[in-house]
Amino acid sequence: METRPNFDIEVVGKNLRRLRKAKNLKVTEVRDYLGFESAQAVYKYESGKGYPQVETMFALMKLYDAGIDDLIYLPEEVNSYDGFGIEGDEPSSFLSFFRVLLAMC
């Protein structure tokens, strides 16, 4: 059995910010999409001070059209990552996220 991976909260935050900017979205637009009353939580996620709840993370992945690899790895690591499956087998982003989520439990 593999050991549980560690995730860098600051990398996740940087990626959330990078993905938002790539979509040309303002923090207030993300706040409104998520249904938050203030933008404080969005800033918290992007600064690496906290993780979004799972439902919020799913919503952000949908908004940014991003997979779990886009969130937890630096952009240069995503291309070199070999996934969870058999060599040459590309798991879906949702499947990858689900496996990571299970590993965190």
Protein backbone atom coordinates (compact mmCIF):
# COMPACT_ATOMS: atom_id res chain seq x y z
CA MET A 1 0.00 0.00 0.00
CA GLU A 2 1.23 3.48 -0.83
CA THR A 3 1.71 6.09 1.86
CA ARG A 4 -0.66 8.99 2.07
CA PRO A 5 0.57 11.96 0.01
CA ASN A 6 0.98 15.36 1.61
CA PHE A 7 -0.54 18.37 -0.10
CA ASP A 8 0.86 21.87 0.06
CA ILE A 9 -1.90 24.31 0.99
CA GLU A 10 0.11 27.19 -0.46
CA VAL A 11 0.42 25.44 -3.84
CA VAL A 12 -3.35 24.89 -3.86
CA GLY A 13 -3.87 28.56 -3.06
CA LYS A 14 -1.51 29.72 -5.81
CA ASN A 15 -3.23 27.42 -8.28
CA LEU A 16 -6.69 28.67 -7.33
CA ARG A 17 -5.52 32.23 -7.94
CA ARG A 18 -3.78 31.30 -11.22
CA LEU A 19 -6.89 29.49 -12.48
CA ARG A 20 -9.17 32.39 -11.54
CA LYS A 21 -6.94 34.86 -13.34
CA ALA A 22 -6.72 32.56 -16.39
CA LYS A 23 -10.51 32.80 -16.62
CA ASN A 24 -10.32 36.60 -16.21
CA LEU A 25 -12.53 36.47 -13.16
CA LYS A 26 -12.52 38.93 -10.28
CA VAL A 27 -12.63 37.71 -6.69
CA THR A 28 -16.08 39.29 -6.35
CA GLU A 29 -17.32 37.25 -9.31
CA VAL A 30 -16.08 34.03 -7.68
CA ARG A 31 -17.68 35.12 -4.41
CA ASP A 32 -21.01 35.63 -6.17
CA TYR A 33 -20.74 32.29 -8.00
CA LEU A 34 -20.11 30.49 -4.72
CA GLY A 35 -22.94 32.37 -3.02
CA PHE A 36 -20.72 33.86 -0.31
CA GLU A 37 -21.60 37.15 1.34
CA SER A 38 -18.00 38.33 1.47
CA ALA A 39 -14.86 37.64 -0.53
CA GLN A 40 -12.85 36.82 2.60
CA ALA A 41 -13.07 33.05 2.06
CA VAL A 42 -11.88 33.34 -1.56
CA TYR A 43 -8.88 35.38 -0.40
CA LYS A 44 -8.23 32.81 2.35
CA TYR A 45 -8.16 29.95 -0.17
CA GLU A 46 -5.95 31.84 -2.62
CA SER A 47 -3.47 32.90 0.06
CA GLY A 48 -3.02 29.32 1.24
CA LYS A 49 -4.55 29.97 4.65
CA GLY A 50 -7.30 27.38 4.29
CA TYR A 51 -8.81 24.75 2.01
CA PRO A 52 -12.30 25.11 0.56
CA GLN A 53 -14.86 22.59 1.75
CA VAL A 54 -15.30 19.68 -0.64
CA GLU A 55 -18.52 21.05 -2.18
CA THR A 56 -16.86 24.43 -2.71
CA MET A 57 -13.80 22.76 -4.23
CA PHE A 58 -16.05 20.90 -6.69
CA ALA A 59 -17.75 24.19 -7.60
CA LEU A 60 -14.38 25.90 -8.16
CA MET A 61 -13.17 23.01 -10.30
CA LYS A 62 -16.30 23.36 -12.42
CA LEU A 63 -16.01 27.16 -12.65
CA TYR A 64 -12.34 27.00 -13.63
CA ASP A 65 -12.77 23.91 -15.83
CA ALA A 66 -9.94 22.34 -13.84
CA GLY A 67 -9.06 18.90 -12.59
CA ILE A 68 -7.60 17.94 -9.26
CA ASP A 69 -4.09 17.81 -10.72
CA ASP A 70 -4.49 21.47 -11.72
CA LEU A 71 -5.13 22.31 -8.08
CA ILE A 72 -2.67 20.22 -6.10
CA TYR A 73 0.43 20.30 -8.31
CA LEU A 74 2.49 23.16 -9.65
CA PRO A 75 1.87 23.63 -13.40
CA GLU A 76 5.26 22.17 -14.30
CA GLU A 77 4.51 19.08 -12.18
CA VAL A 78 1.14 18.39 -13.82
CA ASN A 79 2.78 17.42 -17.11
CA SER A 80 5.20 15.03 -15.41
CA TYR A 81 2.63 13.44 -13.08
CA ASP A 82 1.93 9.83 -14.01
CA GLY A 83 -1.54 9.60 -12.45
CA PHE A 84 -3.04 6.90 -10.30
CA GLY A 85 -3.70 4.31 -12.97
CA ILE A 86 -1.76 1.98 -15.18
CA GLU A 87 0.94 3.57 -17.30
CA GLY A 88 -0.68 5.31 -20.24
CA ASP A 89 -4.08 5.18 -18.53
CA GLU A 90 -5.37 8.71 -17.94
CA PRO A 91 -7.92 8.80 -15.10
CA SER A 92 -10.65 11.40 -15.28
CA SER A 93 -10.17 14.53 -13.22
CA PHE A 94 -13.12 13.59 -11.03
CA LEU A 95 -11.76 10.09 -10.46
CA SER A 96 -8.38 11.53 -9.54
CA PHE A 97 -10.01 13.98 -7.14
CA PHE A 98 -12.12 11.22 -5.60
CA ARG A 99 -9.06 9.03 -5.02
CA VAL A 100 -7.19 11.91 -3.41
CA LEU A 101 -10.21 12.69 -1.27
CA LEU A 102 -10.39 9.08 -0.13
CA ALA A 103 -6.69 9.07 0.66
CA MET A 104 -7.22 12.09 2.90
CA CYS A 105 -9.83 10.27 5.02
